[in-house]
Amino acid sequence: MRNSAFILLFISFSIFASTQAFSQTSINTPYSRYGLGELNFNQNTKNFGMGGVSLAFRDASSVNNSNPASYTAFDSLSFVVEASVAGNFYQQKTLSQKQFSNNGAINGLTFGFPITKWWGASIGILPFSNIGYNIGHEEIVDPFGEVKYIYNGKGGLNQCYVGMAFKPFKGFSIGANVSYVFGNISHSILVYSDSSDFYVSDIINSMSLSGVALNGGVQYSLPLANNHYINIGGIYGTQANLNASRSQTVLSYLLTTSTSVDTLQWVTDESGNVSIPSYYGGGVSFGKSGKWNAGLDFKIQDWNTFKMYERVDSLNRSLQMAAGFSFIPSTYMLARGLSRWEYRFGFRYNETYLNINNTPVNEIGISFGIGIPLRKTKSGFNLGFEYARRGNTDNNLIQEDMYRVKVGVNIQERWFVKRKFN
């Protein structure tokens, strides 16, 4: 089955090569206008189908970079590759309007491999946050009549990481990731009117960011009777200080000519810093090896301390909670059909860092996933589906119903075994 693994690997790299890496406008939500945009929780496709539960999970056939301590779970002779793409479908509505949108993007490429029986490692590239929105409103301004305001944003941050984990004694693992975070974000406001005497205002703010982020984790695995186990995991991420360079251009011109009349302001390459707050979380999982697994997670991050060029944004503490369950009807390697598939279910609740018009913006979601293995191997495909609702229509806010899909390729091969010939 090694040829099948090579085919899957070729497909995954072809996807990445034929698509502009990590397209930075992979979402379309007005809530990405704030802070660093919509944060990515870096769940692999398996964990995505279980509500995002991951902090206490250990899996030899997938890369769980949410807790780097899990890297010691890799089989001592195996190499793991994962690639995934994601699609998002939105229904956004207010008390008077409704609209639909969709988009998709590459969601990650990660590698996991053992160094020794007690030392594992992983490298990869993942999205960190995304910004994508295009919204507008009108108001009556004398003497011009109706004046329109168009708000547009795009871009986001990615991260390349290197992680290692060690098992100093039986059952206990400790690990850390070092990530290089980088990207560009842009926000603009266009103000115009159909009046021939109205001067259009076009305000464009752009920023480039880069810097290092660190996070670590621990896991303890306790074997129980009849192949059962219980795992406990915890993570901590330090505050990340990113170097930033921003530019602002303010233009004014007549709509009838579309010719720039005056550059009201032009600032380029203004240096500064963006501080991303520290976070911590924990989880527990319980299951039977190769058969079923259940888990609970939480994660807390205090965004009250988020700073952009020494300005503190009015963001809230965020809280993520998740629960998930998975099972495989048959673990027999030669079993056929649906009995070898893995079925996953999950639930999550997020108190986001947003509070708009004195109204907290929260999310709730349910998910389902399946793992489709190749016969006689641990490689295969993973599919994840989620329905989530964010916000509501109170206080002139927007309610989003989101349908998300992830498709992943998962490859585990025993690269280091020498072939024997008779």
Protein backbone atom coordinates (compact mmCIF):
# COMPACT_ATOMS: atom_id res chain seq x y z
CA MET A 1 0.00 0.00 0.00
CA ARG A 2 3.01 2.30 -0.02
CA ASN A 3 2.21 3.26 -3.62
CA SER A 4 -1.20 4.47 -2.44
CA ALA A 5 0.48 6.61 0.17
CA PHE A 6 2.75 8.15 -2.45
CA ILE A 7 -0.31 8.88 -4.61
CA LEU A 8 -2.02 10.62 -1.69
CA LEU A 9 1.14 12.59 -0.96
CA PHE A 10 1.38 13.66 -4.59
CA ILE A 11 -2.26 14.78 -4.55
CA SER A 12 -1.77 16.82 -1.40
CA PHE A 13 1.32 18.59 -2.73
CA SER A 14 -0.42 19.20 -6.07
CA ILE A 15 -3.23 20.96 -4.22
CA PHE A 16 -0.74 23.22 -2.50
CA ALA A 17 1.30 23.88 -5.63
CA SER A 18 -1.73 24.78 -7.77
CA THR A 19 -3.25 27.20 -5.23
CA GLN A 20 -1.75 30.46 -4.05
CA ALA A 21 -0.48 29.42 -0.62
CA PHE A 22 -2.85 30.36 2.16
CA SER A 23 -5.02 32.82 0.27
CA GLN A 24 -5.48 35.67 2.70
CA THR A 25 -9.13 36.38 1.86
CA SER A 26 -10.50 32.98 2.82
CA ILE A 27 -13.49 34.28 4.80
CA ASN A 28 -16.28 36.79 4.41
CA THR A 29 -17.54 37.96 7.80
CA PRO A 30 -18.01 41.50 9.12
CA TYR A 31 -16.80 40.33 12.54
CA SER A 32 -13.29 39.96 11.10
CA ARG A 33 -13.10 43.77 11.08
CA TYR A 34 -11.96 43.80 14.71
CA GLY A 35 -8.68 42.87 16.38
CA LEU A 36 -6.62 40.50 14.24
CA GLY A 37 -9.72 39.15 12.51
CA GLU A 38 -11.16 35.66 12.80
CA LEU A 39 -8.73 33.46 14.71
CA ASN A 40 -7.85 29.98 13.50
CA PHE A 41 -7.86 27.31 16.20
CA ASN A 42 -5.40 25.07 14.29
CA GLN A 43 -7.41 21.89 14.59
CA ASN A 44 -6.57 19.06 12.24
CA THR A 45 -9.51 17.60 10.32
CA LYS A 46 -9.96 14.79 12.84
CA ASN A 47 -10.33 17.15 15.79
CA PHE A 48 -12.46 19.57 13.78
CA GLY A 49 -15.11 16.85 13.43
CA MET A 50 -15.12 16.45 17.22
CA GLY A 51 -15.86 20.07 18.09
CA GLY A 52 -12.16 20.95 18.22
CA VAL A 53 -11.32 18.74 21.21
CA SER A 54 -7.56 18.14 21.10
CA LEU A 55 -5.56 19.13 24.19
CA ALA A 56 -5.47 15.65 25.77
CA PHE A 57 -5.54 13.65 22.52
CA ARG A 58 -2.64 11.47 21.43
CA ASP A 59 -2.66 9.89 17.98
CA ALA A 60 0.16 8.10 16.18
CA SER A 61 -1.43 8.71 12.77
CA SER A 62 -2.16 12.46 12.90
CA VAL A 63 -0.42 15.69 13.89
CA ASN A 64 -2.03 17.38 16.90
CA ASN A 65 -0.16 20.69 17.03
CA SER A 66 -2.72 22.15 19.47
CA ASN A 67 -0.67 20.44 22.19
CA PRO A 68 2.96 19.84 21.17
CA ALA A 69 3.37 17.24 23.95
CA SER A 70 1.39 14.88 21.70
CA TYR A 71 4.35 14.53 19.29
CA THR A 72 5.76 11.68 21.41
CA ALA A 73 2.76 9.59 20.29
CA PHE A 74 4.22 9.09 16.80
CA ASP A 75 5.17 5.52 16.02
CA SER A 76 8.94 5.14 16.29
CA LEU A 77 9.17 3.93 12.66
CA SER A 78 6.54 6.13 11.00
CA PHE A 79 6.32 9.47 9.26
CA VAL A 80 3.02 11.40 9.22
CA VAL A 81 1.89 13.97 6.64
CA GLU A 82 -1.37 15.92 6.75
CA ALA A 83 -2.83 18.41 4.28
CA SER A 84 -6.28 19.98 4.32
CA VAL A 85 -8.53 22.50 2.61
CA ALA A 86 -11.58 24.25 4.05
CA GLY A 87 -14.78 25.74 2.67
CA ASN A 88 -17.07 28.23 4.43
CA PHE A 89 -20.69 29.02 3.64
CA TYR A 90 -22.33 31.98 5.41
CA GLN A 91 -25.86 33.25 5.87
CA GLN A 92 -25.69 36.71 7.41
CA LYS A 93 -28.76 38.62 8.49
CA THR A 94 -29.93 41.69 10.37
CA LEU A 95 -33.48 42.59 11.35
CA SER A 96 -34.10 43.86 7.81
CA GLN A 97 -31.58 42.20 5.46
CA LYS A 98 -30.12 38.82 4.58
CA GLN A 99 -27.24 37.73 2.36
CA PHE A 100 -25.27 34.59 1.47
CA SER A 101 -21.58 34.13 0.72
CA ASN A 102 -19.01 31.37 0.42
CA ASN A 103 -15.26 30.92 0.05
CA GLY A 104 -12.47 28.43 0.60
CA ALA A 105 -8.75 28.14 1.15
CA ILE A 106 -5.87 25.86 2.02
CA ASN A 107 -6.08 25.09 5.71
CA GLY A 108 -2.73 23.60 6.61
CA LEU A 109 0.22 21.37 5.78
CA THR A 110 1.93 19.57 8.67
CA PHE A 111 4.54 16.85 9.14
CA GLY A 112 5.17 14.68 12.19
CA PHE A 113 8.00 12.24 12.75
CA PRO A 114 9.84 10.42 15.54
CA ILE A 115 13.48 11.07 16.37
CA THR A 116 13.77 8.38 19.03
CA LYS A 117 11.23 6.36 20.99
CA TRP A 118 11.02 9.17 23.54
CA TRP A 119 11.52 12.18 21.25
CA GLY A 120 9.11 13.40 18.56
CA ALA A 121 8.93 16.44 16.31
CA SER A 122 6.65 18.29 13.92
CA ILE A 123 6.87 21.12 11.39
CA GLY A 124 4.16 22.85 9.42
CA ILE A 125 2.46 25.94 8.08
CA LEU A 126 -1.00 26.98 9.25
CA PRO A 127 -3.29 30.01 9.08
CA PHE A 128 -3.23 32.13 12.26
CA SER A 129 -6.03 34.60 11.50
CA ASN A 130 -8.08 35.83 8.55
CA ILE A 131 -9.70 39.12 7.62
CA GLY A 132 -12.33 39.36 4.90
CA TYR A 133 -15.36 41.66 4.79
CA ASN A 134 -17.17 44.13 2.55
CA ILE A 135 -20.03 45.96 4.24
CA GLY A 136 -21.80 49.27 3.80
CA HIS A 137 -24.49 51.60 5.05
CA GLU A 138 -26.12 54.88 4.03
CA GLU A 139 -27.22 58.04 5.80
CA ILE A 140 -28.75 61.37 4.77
CA VAL A 141 -26.34 64.31 4.94
CA ASP A 142 -27.46 67.84 3.98
CA PRO A 143 -27.03 69.22 1.38
CA PHE A 144 -25.72 66.15 -0.52
CA GLY A 145 -28.56 63.77 0.18
CA GLU A 146 -27.70 60.09 0.59
CA VAL A 147 -24.07 59.40 1.53
CA LYS A 148 -22.73 55.85 1.30
CA TYR A 149 -20.03 54.26 3.48
CA ILE A 150 -18.22 51.13 2.25
CA TYR A 151 -15.95 49.23 4.67
CA ASN A 152 -13.57 46.67 3.20
CA GLY A 153 -10.94 44.44 4.77
CA LYS A 154 -8.67 41.65 3.60
CA GLY A 155 -5.55 39.75 4.57
CA GLY A 156 -4.49 37.82 7.62
CA LEU A 157 -1.62 36.09 9.38
CA ASN A 158 0.04 32.71 8.84
CA GLN A 159 2.44 30.77 11.01
CA CYS A 160 5.32 28.42 10.26
CA TYR A 161 6.18 26.30 13.27
CA VAL A 162 8.76 23.82 14.51
CA GLY A 163 7.87 21.72 17.52
CA MET A 164 9.46 19.01 19.64
CA ALA A 165 8.30 16.81 22.49
CA PHE A 166 10.03 14.55 24.99
CA LYS A 167 8.90 11.72 27.22
CA PRO A 168 11.15 11.95 30.33
CA PHE A 169 9.36 9.05 31.99
CA LYS A 170 6.55 6.63 31.23
CA GLY A 171 3.18 8.26 30.69
CA PHE A 172 4.39 11.88 30.84
CA SER A 173 5.24 14.06 27.83
CA ILE A 174 6.28 17.67 27.51
CA GLY A 175 6.64 19.70 24.30
CA ALA A 176 6.90 23.15 22.75
CA ASN A 177 6.28 24.93 19.45
CA VAL A 178 8.26 27.88 18.11
CA SER A 179 6.23 29.73 15.47
CA TYR A 180 7.12 32.49 13.06
CA VAL A 181 3.95 34.55 12.56
CA PHE A 182 3.73 36.80 9.50
CA GLY A 183 1.27 38.45 7.16
CA ASN A 184 -0.43 41.57 5.86
CA ILE A 185 -3.78 43.13 6.72
CA SER A 186 -5.67 45.97 5.08
CA HIS A 187 -8.73 48.01 6.08
CA SER A 188 -10.33 50.72 3.95
CA ILE A 189 -13.29 53.11 4.13
CA LEU A 190 -14.85 54.65 1.03
CA VAL A 191 -17.29 57.55 1.54
CA TYR A 192 -19.19 58.84 -1.52
CA SER A 193 -22.44 60.34 -2.78
CA ASP A 194 -24.17 60.66 -6.14
CA SER A 195 -24.04 64.43 -5.73
CA SER A 196 -21.70 66.07 -8.25
CA ASP A 197 -20.41 68.43 -5.56
CA PHE A 198 -19.45 65.70 -3.11
CA TYR A 199 -15.78 64.90 -2.69
CA VAL A 200 -15.17 61.19 -2.27
CA SER A 201 -13.01 60.19 0.69
CA ASP A 202 -10.93 57.03 0.38
CA ILE A 203 -9.06 55.97 3.53
CA ILE A 204 -6.69 52.99 3.21
CA ASN A 205 -4.86 51.50 6.20
CA SER A 206 -2.43 48.63 5.65
CA MET A 207 -0.07 46.82 7.98
CA SER A 208 2.66 44.17 7.75
CA LEU A 209 3.39 42.06 10.81
CA SER A 210 5.98 39.46 11.76
CA GLY A 211 7.38 37.92 14.91
CA VAL A 212 7.91 34.84 17.03
CA ALA A 213 5.29 33.08 19.17
CA LEU A 214 5.97 30.34 21.73
CA ASN A 215 3.64 27.78 23.25
CA GLY A 216 4.15 24.63 25.28
CA GLY A 217 2.16 21.71 26.55
CA VAL A 218 2.15 18.67 28.79
CA GLN A 219 0.25 15.39 28.70
CA TYR A 220 -0.06 12.50 31.09
CA SER A 221 -1.45 9.17 29.92
CA LEU A 222 -2.66 6.60 32.43
CA PRO A 223 -3.39 3.08 31.13
CA LEU A 224 -6.41 1.30 32.60
CA ALA A 225 -7.76 -2.23 32.42
CA ASN A 226 -8.95 -3.82 29.15
CA ASN A 227 -7.02 -1.40 26.89
CA HIS A 228 -8.79 1.63 28.34
CA TYR A 229 -6.91 4.83 29.15
CA ILE A 230 -7.30 8.34 30.45
CA ASN A 231 -5.24 11.30 29.20
CA ILE A 232 -4.83 14.71 30.79
CA GLY A 233 -3.36 17.66 28.88
CA GLY A 234 -2.54 21.30 29.43
CA ILE A 235 -1.13 24.14 27.29
CA TYR A 236 0.28 27.62 27.79
CA GLY A 237 1.18 30.23 25.18
CA THR A 238 3.34 33.22 26.03
CA GLN A 239 2.54 36.78 24.99
CA ALA A 240 3.69 37.33 21.41
CA ASN A 241 5.11 40.72 20.41
CA LEU A 242 5.01 41.19 16.65
CA ASN A 243 6.95 43.83 14.76
CA ALA A 244 4.64 45.95 12.63
CA SER A 245 4.93 48.46 9.82
CA ARG A 246 1.82 50.39 8.81
CA SER A 247 0.86 52.84 6.12
CA GLN A 248 -2.13 55.14 5.73
CA THR A 249 -3.36 56.99 2.67
CA VAL A 250 -6.29 59.43 2.69
CA LEU A 251 -7.47 60.58 -0.75
CA SER A 252 -10.17 63.01 -1.80
CA TYR A 253 -11.57 63.39 -5.32
CA LEU A 254 -14.71 64.17 -7.28
CA LEU A 255 -16.75 61.12 -8.24
CA THR A 256 -17.39 62.57 -11.70
CA THR A 257 -13.68 62.58 -12.56
CA SER A 258 -12.28 59.75 -10.40
CA THR A 259 -9.09 61.79 -10.44
CA SER A 260 -7.17 62.33 -7.23
CA VAL A 261 -7.59 65.95 -6.20
CA ASP A 262 -5.76 65.92 -2.91
CA THR A 263 -3.78 63.53 -0.78
CA LEU A 264 -4.95 64.58 2.65
CA GLN A 265 -2.61 62.24 4.49
CA TRP A 266 0.15 59.85 3.52
CA VAL A 267 2.07 57.87 6.11
CA THR A 268 4.42 55.03 5.12
CA ASP A 269 6.43 52.46 7.04
CA GLU A 270 5.48 53.64 10.52
CA SER A 271 7.12 51.12 12.87
CA GLY A 272 5.44 49.76 15.97
CA ASN A 273 4.43 46.62 17.84
CA VAL A 274 1.36 44.43 18.18
CA SER A 275 1.03 42.43 21.40
CA ILE A 276 -0.98 39.20 21.32
CA PRO A 277 -1.97 38.09 24.84
CA SER A 278 -0.92 34.86 26.52
CA TYR A 279 -3.36 31.96 26.89
CA TYR A 280 -3.80 28.70 28.74
CA GLY A 281 -6.04 25.66 28.48
CA GLY A 282 -6.61 22.11 29.57
CA GLY A 283 -8.36 18.94 28.57
CA VAL A 284 -9.11 15.35 29.45
CA SER A 285 -9.85 12.35 27.25
CA PHE A 286 -10.99 8.83 28.02
CA GLY A 287 -11.30 5.86 25.71
CA LYS A 288 -10.37 2.39 24.54
CA SER A 289 -7.30 2.05 22.33
CA GLY A 290 -8.23 1.81 18.65
CA LYS A 291 -11.95 1.69 19.40
CA TRP A 292 -13.46 4.88 20.84
CA ASN A 293 -12.48 8.17 22.42
CA ALA A 294 -14.23 11.01 24.27
CA GLY A 295 -12.85 14.31 25.48
CA LEU A 296 -13.42 17.76 26.99
CA ASP A 297 -11.37 20.95 26.46
CA PHE A 298 -11.21 24.57 27.54
CA LYS A 299 -8.99 27.50 26.56
CA ILE A 300 -8.85 31.06 27.95
CA GLN A 301 -7.13 34.13 26.48
CA ASP A 302 -7.35 37.63 27.98
CA TRP A 303 -7.68 39.96 24.99
CA ASN A 304 -8.14 42.96 27.29
CA THR A 305 -4.34 43.26 27.10
CA PHE A 306 -4.19 43.24 23.28
CA LYS A 307 -2.22 46.25 22.04
CA MET A 308 -1.74 47.64 18.57
CA TYR A 309 0.82 50.47 18.44
CA GLU A 310 0.43 50.98 22.21
CA ARG A 311 -3.33 51.43 21.80
CA VAL A 312 -5.42 49.00 23.84
CA ASP A 313 -8.41 47.70 21.87
CA SER A 314 -11.74 47.23 23.64
CA LEU A 315 -11.64 43.43 23.35
CA ASN A 316 -12.85 40.87 25.88
CA ARG A 317 -11.43 37.76 27.46
CA SER A 318 -12.16 34.80 25.16
CA LEU A 319 -13.29 31.37 26.35
CA GLN A 320 -13.47 28.20 24.27
CA MET A 321 -15.12 25.00 25.48
CA ALA A 322 -15.54 21.80 23.49
CA ALA A 323 -16.69 18.20 23.86
CA GLY A 324 -16.23 15.39 21.37
CA PHE A 325 -16.61 11.67 20.79
CA SER A 326 -15.36 9.21 18.15
CA PHE A 327 -15.67 5.48 17.54
CA ILE A 328 -14.67 2.79 15.04
CA PRO A 329 -17.11 -0.14 14.61
CA SER A 330 -14.31 -2.57 13.64
CA THR A 331 -10.56 -2.23 14.17
CA TYR A 332 -9.78 -5.37 12.13
CA MET A 333 -7.31 -4.28 9.44
CA LEU A 334 -8.92 -6.44 6.72
CA ALA A 335 -12.49 -5.44 7.54
CA ARG A 336 -14.47 -4.04 4.63
CA GLY A 337 -16.75 -1.10 4.07
CA LEU A 338 -18.15 1.31 6.61
CA SER A 339 -17.19 -0.81 9.61
CA ARG A 340 -13.57 0.47 9.43
CA TRP A 341 -14.55 4.10 9.13
CA GLU A 342 -14.16 6.37 12.15
CA TYR A 343 -17.21 8.41 13.11
CA ARG A 344 -16.84 11.67 15.05
CA PHE A 345 -19.23 14.04 16.78
CA GLY A 346 -18.62 17.28 18.64
CA PHE A 347 -20.00 20.39 20.27
CA ARG A 348 -18.31 23.72 21.01
CA TYR A 349 -19.15 27.01 22.71
CA ASN A 350 -16.98 30.11 22.26
CA GLU A 351 -17.16 33.43 24.01
CA THR A 352 -15.25 35.46 21.42
CA TYR A 353 -13.15 38.52 22.16
CA LEU A 354 -15.80 40.79 20.62
CA ASN A 355 -18.25 43.05 22.44
CA ILE A 356 -20.08 45.36 20.05
CA ASN A 357 -22.73 47.87 21.08
CA ASN A 358 -22.45 46.49 24.62
CA THR A 359 -23.42 43.06 23.30
CA PRO A 360 -21.06 40.05 23.55
CA VAL A 361 -20.60 38.11 20.31
CA ASN A 362 -20.59 34.38 21.07
CA GLU A 363 -20.54 31.21 18.98
CA ILE A 364 -22.11 27.80 19.36
CA GLY A 365 -21.50 24.90 16.98
CA ILE A 366 -22.10 21.20 16.38
CA SER A 367 -19.88 19.05 14.20
CA PHE A 368 -19.64 15.67 12.53
CA GLY A 369 -16.69 13.94 10.90
CA ILE A 370 -15.64 10.70 9.27
CA GLY A 371 -12.28 9.06 8.69
CA ILE A 372 -11.96 6.85 5.62
CA PRO A 373 -8.87 4.61 5.83
CA LEU A 374 -7.13 2.96 2.94
CA ARG A 375 -7.26 -0.79 3.25
CA LYS A 376 -4.31 -2.45 5.01
CA THR A 377 -2.88 0.94 6.02
CA LYS A 378 -3.41 3.74 8.51
CA SER A 379 -3.42 6.39 5.80
CA GLY A 380 -6.65 7.82 4.43
CA PHE A 381 -9.02 10.74 4.08
CA ASN A 382 -10.76 12.78 6.74
CA LEU A 383 -13.92 14.84 6.32
CA GLY A 384 -15.34 17.30 8.83
CA PHE A 385 -18.59 19.28 8.84
CA GLU A 386 -19.76 21.99 11.23
CA TYR A 387 -22.82 24.15 11.67
CA ALA A 388 -22.26 27.17 13.91
CA ARG A 389 -24.10 30.35 14.84
CA ARG A 390 -22.29 33.54 15.75
CA GLY A 391 -23.88 36.65 17.22
CA ASN A 392 -27.52 37.72 17.05
CA THR A 393 -29.60 40.60 15.75
CA ASP A 394 -29.83 42.44 19.08
CA ASN A 395 -28.62 46.07 19.16
CA ASN A 396 -28.25 46.28 15.36
CA LEU A 397 -25.77 43.39 15.17
CA ILE A 398 -25.46 40.66 12.56
CA GLN A 399 -26.33 37.01 13.08
CA GLU A 400 -24.20 34.55 11.11
CA ASP A 401 -25.17 30.97 10.38
CA MET A 402 -22.01 29.22 9.22
CA TYR A 403 -21.61 25.91 7.42
CA ARG A 404 -18.00 24.77 7.36
CA VAL A 405 -16.36 21.84 5.59
CA LYS A 406 -12.83 20.49 5.92
CA VAL A 407 -11.25 17.84 3.71
CA GLY A 408 -7.94 16.35 4.74
CA VAL A 409 -5.41 13.83 3.48
CA ASN A 410 -3.66 11.85 6.20
CA ILE A 411 -0.60 9.71 5.44
CA GLN A 412 1.22 7.43 7.86
CA GLU A 413 3.96 5.24 6.43
CA ARG A 414 6.77 3.14 7.90
CA TRP A 415 9.49 4.86 5.93
CA PHE A 416 12.38 3.51 8.02
CA VAL A 417 11.76 -0.22 7.68
CA LYS A 418 14.23 -1.99 5.39
CA ARG A 419 12.70 -4.33 2.86
CA LYS A 420 13.69 -7.98 3.14
CA PHE A 421 14.32 -10.09 0.06
CA ASN A 422 14.51 -13.87 -0.08
